[in-house]
Structures are given as structure tokens and as C-alpha cells.
Protein backbone atom coordinates (compact mmCIF):
# COMPACT_ATOMS: atom_id res chain seq x y z
CA MET A 1 0.02 -0.12 0.03
CA LYS A 2 1.45 3.26 -1.12
CA ARG A 3 1.75 6.42 1.23
CA HIS A 4 0.53 9.66 -0.44
CA ALA A 5 2.08 12.89 0.65
CA PHE A 6 3.31 16.31 -0.71
CA THR A 7 6.39 16.45 -2.43
CA LEU A 8 8.94 19.50 -1.91
CA ILE A 9 8.12 21.01 -5.03
CA GLU A 10 4.35 20.96 -4.22
CA LEU A 11 4.80 22.41 -0.68
CA LEU A 12 7.06 25.20 -2.08
CA VAL A 13 4.08 26.04 -4.44
CA VAL A 14 1.37 26.05 -1.81
CA ILE A 15 3.46 28.37 0.42
CA ALA A 16 4.05 30.71 -2.52
CA ILE A 17 0.16 30.84 -3.31
CA ILE A 18 -0.34 31.53 0.46
CA ALA A 19 2.42 34.27 0.48
CA ILE A 20 0.82 35.87 -2.87
CA LEU A 21 -2.61 35.57 -1.13
CA ALA A 22 -1.60 37.45 1.93
CA ALA A 23 0.31 40.05 0.06
CA ILE A 24 -2.87 40.89 -1.85
CA LEU A 25 -5.11 40.43 1.26
CA PHE A 26 -3.22 42.15 4.07
CA PRO A 27 -3.49 45.85 2.70
CA VAL A 28 -7.22 45.20 2.01
CA PHE A 29 -7.71 44.37 5.51
CA ALA A 30 -5.45 47.21 6.63
CA GLU A 31 -7.44 49.49 4.52
CA ALA A 32 -10.61 48.33 6.00
CA ARG A 33 -9.46 48.69 9.46
CA GLU A 34 -8.25 52.42 8.59
CA ASN A 35 -11.66 53.22 7.41
CA ALA A 36 -13.21 52.37 10.63
CA ARG A 37 -10.95 54.27 12.52
CA LYS A 38 -11.72 57.08 10.13
CA THR A 39 -15.41 56.73 10.72
CA ALA A 40 -14.88 56.80 14.61
CA CYS A 41 -12.79 59.75 14.26
CA LEU A 42 -15.43 61.41 12.28
CA SER A 43 -17.95 60.35 15.06
CA ASN A 44 -15.98 61.79 17.53
CA MET A 45 -15.23 65.11 15.79
CA HIS A 46 -19.03 65.58 15.34
CA GLN A 47 -19.50 65.15 18.93
CA ILE A 48 -16.98 67.74 19.94
CA ASP A 49 -18.13 69.84 17.27
CA LEU A 50 -21.79 69.89 18.82
CA GLY A 51 -20.24 70.47 21.91
CA ASN A 52 -18.84 73.68 20.62
CA LEU A 53 -22.23 74.78 19.40
CA GLN A 54 -23.71 74.00 22.79
CA TYR A 55 -21.04 76.15 24.16
CA VAL A 56 -21.90 79.03 21.88
CA GLN A 57 -25.45 78.94 22.65
CA ASP A 58 -24.51 79.42 26.54
CA TYR A 59 -22.14 82.11 25.63
CA ASP A 60 -23.91 84.75 23.73
CA GLU A 61 -23.11 82.75 20.40
CA LYS A 62 -19.54 83.08 20.61
CA PHE A 63 -16.95 80.55 20.20
CA PRO A 64 -14.35 79.75 22.96
CA LEU A 65 -11.17 80.95 22.12
CA ASN A 66 -8.35 78.21 20.93
CA ARG A 67 -6.29 79.23 23.92
CA PHE A 68 -7.11 81.67 26.97
CA ASP A 69 -4.37 83.84 27.98
CA TRP A 70 -4.66 83.13 31.93
CA PRO A 71 -1.40 83.76 33.86
CA ASN A 72 0.11 80.01 34.62
CA VAL A 73 -3.38 78.27 33.71
CA PRO A 74 -3.19 76.17 30.79
CA TYR A 75 -6.65 76.55 29.77
CA THR A 76 -7.76 76.05 26.06
CA TRP A 77 -11.05 75.37 24.06
CA ARG A 78 -10.68 71.81 25.04
CA GLU A 79 -11.69 72.47 28.80
CA ALA A 80 -14.21 74.71 27.55
CA VAL A 81 -15.74 72.33 25.17
CA GLN A 82 -15.32 69.31 27.53
CA PRO A 83 -18.16 69.88 29.89
CA TYR A 84 -20.84 69.57 26.95
CA VAL A 85 -19.18 66.37 25.61
CA LYS A 86 -18.63 64.60 29.16
CA ASN A 87 -15.91 61.82 27.62
CA LEU A 88 -12.35 62.63 27.28
CA ASP A 89 -11.91 59.54 25.16
CA VAL A 90 -14.03 61.41 22.44
CA PHE A 91 -10.83 63.75 22.28
CA LYS A 92 -8.96 61.00 21.09
CA ASP A 93 -8.26 60.05 17.30
CA PRO A 94 -8.65 56.09 16.79
CA SER A 95 -5.67 56.32 14.26
CA PHE A 96 -3.66 58.49 16.67
CA ALA A 97 -3.17 55.90 19.31
CA ASP A 98 -0.53 57.73 21.44
CA ALA A 99 -2.83 61.17 21.62
CA ARG A 100 -2.33 62.07 25.35
CA VAL A 101 -2.65 64.55 27.94
CA ASP A 102 0.32 67.03 27.16
CA THR A 103 0.59 70.56 28.70
CA SER A 104 3.32 71.61 25.83
CA CYS A 105 2.69 73.84 23.34
CA TRP A 106 -0.52 75.19 24.78
CA GLY A 107 -1.62 71.58 25.49
CA SER A 108 -4.26 70.22 28.20
CA PRO A 109 -3.81 69.07 31.80
CA ILE A 110 -7.12 66.84 31.56
CA VAL A 111 -8.10 66.51 27.61
CA PRO A 112 -6.02 64.18 25.41
CA LYS A 113 -4.34 66.43 22.46
CA SER A 114 -5.13 64.75 18.88
CA TYR A 115 -7.57 67.44 17.18
CA ALA A 116 -6.48 71.03 15.87
CA TYR A 117 -8.56 73.92 16.23
CA ASN A 118 -8.66 76.61 13.79
CA GLY A 119 -6.71 79.16 15.27
CA HIS A 120 -6.63 81.50 12.10
CA LYS A 121 -10.29 82.45 13.03
CA LEU A 122 -10.38 81.77 16.63
CA ASN A 123 -7.84 84.25 17.62
CA MET A 124 -4.89 83.17 20.47
CA ASP A 125 -5.29 85.92 23.13
CA GLY A 126 -8.49 87.27 22.79
CA THR A 127 -7.50 90.91 22.34
CA ASN A 128 -10.29 91.09 19.77
CA GLY A 129 -12.78 89.00 21.72
CA SER A 130 -14.45 85.71 20.86
CA LEU A 131 -15.58 85.19 17.38
CA ALA A 132 -19.36 85.28 17.13
CA LEU A 133 -21.27 82.78 15.22
CA ALA A 134 -22.70 85.91 13.06
CA ALA A 135 -19.51 86.69 11.92
CA ILE A 136 -18.98 83.50 9.84
CA SER A 137 -20.13 84.12 6.48
CA SER A 138 -20.17 80.55 5.27
CA PRO A 139 -20.58 78.09 8.16
CA ALA A 140 -21.06 75.11 6.03
CA GLN A 141 -17.40 75.79 4.28
CA ALA A 142 -15.49 77.37 6.97
CA LEU A 143 -13.37 74.79 8.87
CA LEU A 144 -13.53 74.94 12.83
CA MET A 145 -11.23 71.56 13.47
CA ALA A 146 -8.96 69.26 11.88
CA ASP A 147 -6.80 66.17 12.71
CA MET A 148 -3.99 67.28 14.26
CA SER A 149 -0.36 66.14 13.86
CA ARG A 150 1.73 64.40 16.53
CA ASN A 151 4.07 67.38 16.46
CA GLY A 152 1.28 69.92 16.01
CA CYS A 153 0.18 72.66 18.57
CA PRO A 154 -3.63 72.56 19.74
CA ASP A 155 -4.70 75.22 17.49
CA ALA A 156 -4.29 75.37 13.85
CA GLY A 157 -4.95 78.03 10.74
CA ASN A 158 -3.12 77.90 7.37
CA TRP A 159 -0.34 79.63 9.06
CA CYS A 160 0.79 76.04 10.35
CA PHE A 161 1.67 75.20 6.75
CA GLY A 162 4.40 77.60 6.12
CA CYS A 163 5.62 77.89 9.79
CA PRO A 164 9.34 76.71 9.68
CA LEU A 165 9.14 75.15 13.43
CA ALA A 166 8.40 71.37 13.86
CA THR A 167 5.90 72.26 16.11
CA CYS A 168 3.78 74.19 13.39
CA ASN A 169 3.60 70.96 11.64
CA CYS A 170 -0.34 70.98 12.48
CA LEU A 171 -1.76 68.42 10.10
CA ASP A 172 -0.81 64.89 9.69
CA PHE A 173 -3.17 63.50 6.82
CA ARG A 174 -3.28 60.21 8.77
CA HIS A 175 -6.52 58.97 7.03
CA ARG A 176 -5.31 57.51 3.78
CA GLY A 177 -3.53 60.99 2.83
CA ALA A 178 -6.59 63.02 3.80
CA ASN A 179 -8.18 64.52 7.29
CA ASN A 180 -11.25 64.48 8.97
CA TRP A 181 -12.56 68.35 9.02
CA ALA A 182 -15.30 69.75 11.32
CA TYR A 183 -17.21 72.97 10.06
CA PHE A 184 -18.68 76.07 11.89
CA ASP A 185 -22.24 74.82 11.01
CA GLY A 186 -21.88 71.44 12.80
CA HIS A 187 -21.42 68.66 10.09
CA VAL A 188 -18.02 66.91 9.42
CA LYS A 189 -16.27 65.02 6.55
CA TRP A 190 -13.25 63.36 5.03
CA THR A 191 -11.40 65.25 2.31
CA ARG A 192 -8.20 66.06 0.79
CA PRO A 193 -6.63 69.03 2.26
CA GLN A 194 -6.36 70.98 -1.11
CA VAL A 195 -10.19 70.99 -1.25
CA THR A 196 -10.26 73.17 2.01
CA ILE A 197 -8.43 76.11 0.07
CA ARG A 198 -9.92 76.08 -3.25
CA PRO A 199 -12.60 76.91 -4.70
CA TYR A 200 -13.20 78.19 -0.91
CA ASN A 201 -10.71 78.91 1.65
CA GLY A 202 -12.13 77.14 4.62
CA TRP A 203 -9.38 78.31 6.80
CA GLU A 204 -10.19 82.17 6.28
CA ASP A 205 -13.94 81.49 5.35
CA ARG A 206 -13.61 83.45 2.27
CA ASP A 207 -13.69 82.99 -1.55
CA TYR A 208 -10.05 81.37 -3.12
CA ASP A 209 -8.06 84.45 -3.47
CA PRO A 210 -4.47 83.72 -4.25
CA LYS A 211 -3.37 87.02 -4.81
CA GLY A 212 -5.10 88.73 -1.64
CA ILE A 213 -7.16 91.00 -4.04
CA ASN A 214 -10.29 90.64 -2.12
CA GLY A 215 -8.91 90.86 1.61
CA GLY A 216 -6.71 87.69 1.75
CA ASP A 217 -3.39 87.68 3.62
CA PRO A 218 -0.70 89.31 1.11
CA VAL A 219 1.86 87.09 2.79
CA GLN A 220 0.49 83.81 3.57
CA THR A 221 -1.64 83.66 -0.06
CA ASP A 222 -3.46 80.53 -1.21
CA ASP A 223 -1.20 79.51 -3.62
CA LYS A 224 1.51 79.52 -1.16
CA VAL A 225 -0.73 77.44 1.63
CA LEU A 226 -1.40 74.80 -1.46
CA GLN A 227 2.65 74.58 -2.15
CA ASP A 228 2.85 73.89 1.66
CA ILE A 229 0.27 71.26 1.42
CA ALA A 230 1.96 69.42 -1.37
CA PHE A 231 5.32 69.65 0.17
CA ALA A 232 3.75 68.00 3.48
CA LEU A 233 2.30 65.37 1.55
CA LYS A 234 5.48 64.64 -0.22
CA GLU A 235 7.42 64.57 2.97
CA ARG A 236 5.07 61.78 4.35
CA GLY A 237 5.06 59.94 1.17
CA LEU A 238 1.61 60.39 0.35
């Protein structure tokens, strides 16, 4: 009676087929997991965005400042909004597993740091007062929050792209080369960063204006921001 078994060649062929299937399927599984994390991140941002709007209703329709200039008190928009959210984990992006409480660069002593606030619109020291809801001309297009870089500060604004300091590298593009964004009207969505500048500059809440003709910043122009976005994406191999 003959005994049947795999030959060495057959065994190597089976191993090669398994390796090929694994190489094909693993990226698909990884992308599916990232899509799940991206969706959870969108849900987090939506809850924070709604918390901001509840704050606005309680404080004369004015948004919290990105940072409050109180002596020796690290108080930011996170502390202002957290009572309306009532969950610290909501402030942690699932794709940013090492997001932590960090008081450096105007971080928070209580709330994890993984989302950036639009510091370009919500001024840093409050000298001009808090931003009123009525001052936003296109709340459905103006950006309130974004995914923050691991090296970023807790406020953002398009000045981050052109800042030479590592701490100003605010955006991470960790969701498949794009970001989740929260808007002043309360909705959130995932999109490429270039879309936030053109055709409408969501950071500054105005029409695309690369030459500063209609009131844009003559130093940090829209085209300069787009160049910096392209450079940031290239640096990350995206």
C-alpha cells in the first residue's frame, strides 16, 4: 500500500500561493481597519463640534478661544468644550493611538491632544474678543477643527503650513492621505486638504483669493498654502 504525501515542489508551490494571497489581502484588511478608525474619528469630531455649538448657545453665540491667556493656567478650547461632551476619549483620534494629555505647546492638563482648532479664525489671546457665530459668512464651508499632527499645537490655521518650526506642523493627513474636518455649522467630513483651500478657503472663510485682491493675507497667500500642503504630503510619502 502506497503512502501519499506532498513533494517538496508541491509544498513550495502551496507556500508561494499562500504568500501571494497574504500580500494581496493584508493591504485590503489594513485599509478596512483604517476606514473603521476614520469613521470613529468622524463620530468623535461630530460630538466635539456639537459641544462647541452648545457652548456657543450658552455664551452669547460666541465660540471659545483656541487658548485663553490666563497667567499660569493652561486653559484651552478643550477645557471649555469638554463639559458639553462629558467624555475624554472622544478627544482621542483612533488613528492617533499615542494621543495623550500634554501641557506643552498650549496643550491640556486634562484632555488628550489629537484634534486641532482653527486658530486663524479663533484668535489666540482674545484681544479682539471671541468669534461670534454671526461673523462666519459661510459656516458650512468654514473649518472649525481638523486632525492634528503628532508634532502639532492644539490650534491650527493655515499659517501652520508655512511655519518653519516643527511644532507648527499641525496636520497629519493620517486618514489615507487626507483629513477629517469639522465645520462651523456642525457637520463633519473626510476630504483632501487641497479641497479646503480651493474653490473656497475654509481656513479664512472667504473665496479663493491667491493674490490677496479681495482681502486675503498678502504674505500667506492661498497658492503658498497649496504649495505647503503639497510639500507636507510629499514629506509623508503620500
